[in-house]
């Protein structure tokens, strides 16, 4: 896998329900985004990274499952200016699996929202879309 040299900001936010252990929600995020700074803020966990390598596990999962079209559709549908986003299933992330959600309800305890911002957002979408 070749990671392009594109400046970006990757932000993850995930609600923490009263029935959940915040440490387990942190673990879910760190399982998928190992190169990120994670903070517990009120009733959510927030994480961020400025390294595209933070998307390595997502890139690999897209390649293995050949789900480029699904991710590309999500990224393009949610594109606004130099920012796009997608949802990941929180429970799947906890067991180190990657499952994209089209709607937040697809993750019963709330999804992880991943937001990508870059002056070359098209380059990031192309990198993910043409993973091989």
C-alpha atoms as a PDB file:
ATOM      1  CA  UNK A   1       0.000   0.000   0.000  1.00  0.00           C
ATOM      2  CA  UNK A   2       1.341   3.376  -1.018  1.00  0.00           C
ATOM      3  CA  UNK A   3       0.069   6.282   1.053  1.00  0.00           C
ATOM      4  CA  UNK A   4      -0.090   9.517  -0.945  1.00  0.00           C
ATOM      5  CA  UNK A   5       1.601  12.617   0.398  1.00  0.00           C
ATOM      6  CA  UNK A   6      -1.562  14.671   0.903  1.00  0.00           C
ATOM      7  CA  UNK A   7      -2.136  17.008   3.828  1.00  0.00           C
ATOM      8  CA  UNK A   8      -5.355  16.212   5.625  1.00  0.00           C
ATOM      9  CA  UNK A   9      -7.181  16.430   8.907  1.00  0.00           C
ATOM     10  CA  UNK A  10      -9.053  13.341  10.070  1.00  0.00           C
ATOM     11  CA  UNK A  11     -11.565  13.750  12.883  1.00  0.00           C
ATOM     12  CA  UNK A  12     -13.561  11.044  14.585  1.00  0.00           C
ATOM     13  CA  UNK A  13     -16.432  11.616  16.991  1.00  0.00           C
ATOM     14  CA  UNK A  14     -18.529   9.016  18.705  1.00  0.00           C
ATOM     15  CA  UNK A  15     -21.303   9.321  21.294  1.00  0.00           C
ATOM     16  CA  UNK A  16     -20.917   7.548  24.615  1.00  0.00           C
ATOM     17  CA  UNK A  17     -24.219   6.275  25.933  1.00  0.00           C
ATOM     18  CA  UNK A  18     -24.898   6.043  29.671  1.00  0.00           C
ATOM     19  CA  UNK A  19     -24.854   2.245  29.369  1.00  0.00           C
ATOM     20  CA  UNK A  20     -21.375   2.245  27.791  1.00  0.00           C
ATOM     21  CA  UNK A  21     -17.921   2.258  29.284  1.00  0.00           C
ATOM     22  CA  UNK A  22     -16.068   5.274  27.784  1.00  0.00           C
ATOM     23  CA  UNK A  23     -12.827   3.265  27.789  1.00  0.00           C
ATOM     24  CA  UNK A  24     -14.409   0.670  25.496  1.00  0.00           C
ATOM     25  CA  UNK A  25     -15.539   3.410  23.111  1.00  0.00           C
ATOM     26  CA  UNK A  26     -11.982   4.804  23.129  1.00  0.00           C
ATOM     27  CA  UNK A  27     -10.729   1.285  22.387  1.00  0.00           C
ATOM     28  CA  UNK A  28     -13.118   0.988  19.423  1.00  0.00           C
ATOM     29  CA  UNK A  29     -11.684   4.186  17.920  1.00  0.00           C
ATOM     30  CA  UNK A  30      -8.058   3.275  18.621  1.00  0.00           C
ATOM     31  CA  UNK A  31      -8.618  -0.174  17.053  1.00  0.00           C
ATOM     32  CA  UNK A  32      -9.448   1.477  13.724  1.00  0.00           C
ATOM     33  CA  UNK A  33      -7.422   4.706  13.994  1.00  0.00           C
ATOM     34  CA  UNK A  34      -4.180   3.764  15.796  1.00  0.00           C
ATOM     35  CA  UNK A  35      -2.329   6.975  14.885  1.00  0.00           C
ATOM     36  CA  UNK A  36      -4.780   9.401  16.434  1.00  0.00           C
ATOM     37  CA  UNK A  37      -5.005  11.529  19.538  1.00  0.00           C
ATOM     38  CA  UNK A  38      -8.101  10.502  21.504  1.00  0.00           C
ATOM     39  CA  UNK A  39      -9.939  12.607  24.098  1.00  0.00           C
ATOM     40  CA  UNK A  40     -12.956  11.998  26.290  1.00  0.00           C
ATOM     41  CA  UNK A  41     -15.262  15.044  26.080  1.00  0.00           C
ATOM     42  CA  UNK A  42     -18.543  15.056  28.010  1.00  0.00           C
ATOM     43  CA  UNK A  43     -20.733  12.366  26.444  1.00  0.00           C
ATOM     44  CA  UNK A  44     -18.527  11.674  23.425  1.00  0.00           C
ATOM     45  CA  UNK A  45     -15.089  10.512  22.436  1.00  0.00           C
ATOM     46  CA  UNK A  46     -13.217  12.685  19.947  1.00  0.00           C
ATOM     47  CA  UNK A  47     -10.063  11.807  18.091  1.00  0.00           C
ATOM     48  CA  UNK A  48      -8.007  13.448  15.412  1.00  0.00           C
ATOM     49  CA  UNK A  49      -5.004  12.864  13.229  1.00  0.00           C
ATOM     50  CA  UNK A  50      -3.175  14.693  10.484  1.00  0.00           C
ATOM     51  CA  UNK A  51      -1.715  11.523   9.003  1.00  0.00           C
ATOM     52  CA  UNK A  52      -3.310   9.613   6.138  1.00  0.00           C
ATOM     53  CA  UNK A  53      -1.760   6.454   7.585  1.00  0.00           C
ATOM     54  CA  UNK A  54      -4.543   6.720  10.187  1.00  0.00           C
ATOM     55  CA  UNK A  55      -6.803   5.438   7.398  1.00  0.00           C
ATOM     56  CA  UNK A  56      -4.627   2.356   6.718  1.00  0.00           C
ATOM     57  CA  UNK A  57      -7.045  -0.120   8.314  1.00  0.00           C
ATOM     58  CA  UNK A  58      -9.978   1.369   6.417  1.00  0.00           C
ATOM     59  CA  UNK A  59      -7.984   1.279   3.170  1.00  0.00           C
ATOM     60  CA  UNK A  60      -7.060  -2.384   3.766  1.00  0.00           C
ATOM     61  CA  UNK A  61     -10.659  -3.341   4.635  1.00  0.00           C
ATOM     62  CA  UNK A  62     -11.949  -1.629   1.500  1.00  0.00           C
ATOM     63  CA  UNK A  63      -9.393  -3.511  -0.593  1.00  0.00           C
ATOM     64  CA  UNK A  64     -10.135  -6.901   0.991  1.00  0.00           C
ATOM     65  CA  UNK A  65     -13.900  -6.566   0.752  1.00  0.00           C
ATOM     66  CA  UNK A  66     -13.785  -4.848  -2.635  1.00  0.00           C
ATOM     67  CA  UNK A  67     -16.182  -2.221  -1.292  1.00  0.00           C
ATOM     68  CA  UNK A  68     -14.617   0.772  -3.036  1.00  0.00           C
ATOM     69  CA  UNK A  69     -17.919   1.698  -4.713  1.00  0.00           C
ATOM     70  CA  UNK A  70     -19.768   1.856  -1.389  1.00  0.00           C
ATOM     71  CA  UNK A  71     -17.115   4.049   0.246  1.00  0.00           C
ATOM     72  CA  UNK A  72     -16.760   6.231  -2.835  1.00  0.00           C
ATOM     73  CA  UNK A  73     -20.527   6.752  -2.980  1.00  0.00           C
ATOM     74  CA  UNK A  74     -20.589   7.747   0.700  1.00  0.00           C
ATOM     75  CA  UNK A  75     -17.596  10.055   0.390  1.00  0.00           C
ATOM     76  CA  UNK A  76     -18.931  11.748  -2.749  1.00  0.00           C
ATOM     77  CA  UNK A  77     -22.515  12.070  -1.433  1.00  0.00           C
ATOM     78  CA  UNK A  78     -21.223  13.718   1.752  1.00  0.00           C
ATOM     79  CA  UNK A  79     -18.685  15.962   0.008  1.00  0.00           C
ATOM     80  CA  UNK A  80     -19.022  19.656   0.719  1.00  0.00           C
ATOM     81  CA  UNK A  81     -16.152  21.933  -0.273  1.00  0.00           C
ATOM     82  CA  UNK A  82     -12.922  20.403   1.014  1.00  0.00           C
ATOM     83  CA  UNK A  83     -14.638  18.125   3.563  1.00  0.00           C
ATOM     84  CA  UNK A  84     -16.378  14.757   3.428  1.00  0.00           C
ATOM     85  CA  UNK A  85     -17.475  12.218   6.021  1.00  0.00           C
ATOM     86  CA  UNK A  86     -18.785   8.708   6.624  1.00  0.00           C
ATOM     87  CA  UNK A  87     -20.115   6.601   9.497  1.00  0.00           C
ATOM     88  CA  UNK A  88     -18.567   3.428  10.916  1.00  0.00           C
ATOM     89  CA  UNK A  89     -20.321   0.908  13.134  1.00  0.00           C
ATOM     90  CA  UNK A  90     -19.019   1.346  16.702  1.00  0.00           C
ATOM     91  CA  UNK A  91     -19.572  -2.275  17.800  1.00  0.00           C
ATOM     92  CA  UNK A  92     -17.748  -3.598  14.741  1.00  0.00           C
ATOM     93  CA  UNK A  93     -14.853  -1.220  15.443  1.00  0.00           C
ATOM     94  CA  UNK A  94     -14.585  -2.564  18.989  1.00  0.00           C
ATOM     95  CA  UNK A  95     -13.839  -6.034  17.583  1.00  0.00           C
ATOM     96  CA  UNK A  96     -11.452  -4.515  14.999  1.00  0.00           C
ATOM     97  CA  UNK A  97     -13.856  -4.878  12.074  1.00  0.00           C
ATOM     98  CA  UNK A  98     -14.740  -2.100   9.679  1.00  0.00           C
ATOM     99  CA  UNK A  99     -18.384  -1.699   8.699  1.00  0.00           C
ATOM    100  CA  UNK A 100     -19.561   1.445   6.951  1.00  0.00           C
ATOM    101  CA  UNK A 101     -23.039   2.683   7.823  1.00  0.00           C
ATOM    102  CA  UNK A 102     -25.213   4.546   5.343  1.00  0.00           C
ATOM    103  CA  UNK A 103     -27.443   5.776   8.195  1.00  0.00           C
ATOM    104  CA  UNK A 104     -26.565   6.381  11.866  1.00  0.00           C
ATOM    105  CA  UNK A 105     -29.291   3.942  12.947  1.00  0.00           C
ATOM    106  CA  UNK A 106     -27.275   1.079  11.450  1.00  0.00           C
ATOM    107  CA  UNK A 107     -25.035   1.305  14.526  1.00  0.00           C
ATOM    108  CA  UNK A 108     -27.444   0.701  17.450  1.00  0.00           C
ATOM    109  CA  UNK A 109     -25.280   2.449  20.054  1.00  0.00           C
ATOM    110  CA  UNK A 110     -24.434   5.286  17.677  1.00  0.00           C
ATOM    111  CA  UNK A 111     -21.837   5.378  14.913  1.00  0.00           C
ATOM    112  CA  UNK A 112     -18.329   6.729  14.748  1.00  0.00           C
ATOM    113  CA  UNK A 113     -18.459   9.738  12.417  1.00  0.00           C
ATOM    114  CA  UNK A 114     -15.236  10.151  10.445  1.00  0.00           C
ATOM    115  CA  UNK A 115     -14.645  13.548   8.833  1.00  0.00           C
ATOM    116  CA  UNK A 116     -11.883  14.132   6.298  1.00  0.00           C
ATOM    117  CA  UNK A 117     -10.744  17.648   5.425  1.00  0.00           C
ATOM    118  CA  UNK A 118      -8.105  18.450   2.830  1.00  0.00           C
ATOM    119  CA  UNK A 119      -7.377  20.990   0.110  1.00  0.00           C
ATOM    120  CA  UNK A 120      -6.935  17.857  -2.056  1.00  0.00           C
ATOM    121  CA  UNK A 121     -10.002  15.951  -0.857  1.00  0.00           C
ATOM    122  CA  UNK A 122     -10.490  14.505  -4.361  1.00  0.00           C
ATOM    123  CA  UNK A 123      -7.014  12.954  -4.115  1.00  0.00           C
ATOM    124  CA  UNK A 124      -7.952  11.240  -0.842  1.00  0.00           C
ATOM    125  CA  UNK A 125     -11.242   9.945  -2.288  1.00  0.00           C
ATOM    126  CA  UNK A 126      -9.384   8.669  -5.367  1.00  0.00           C
ATOM    127  CA  UNK A 127      -6.794   6.938  -3.167  1.00  0.00           C
ATOM    128  CA  UNK A 128      -9.513   5.130  -1.213  1.00  0.00           C
ATOM    129  CA  UNK A 129     -11.695   4.479  -4.284  1.00  0.00           C
ATOM    130  CA  UNK A 130      -8.953   2.913  -6.319  1.00  0.00           C
ATOM    131  CA  UNK A 131      -7.419   0.872  -3.500  1.00  0.00           C
ATOM    132  CA  UNK A 132      -5.823  -2.233  -4.926  1.00  0.00           C
END
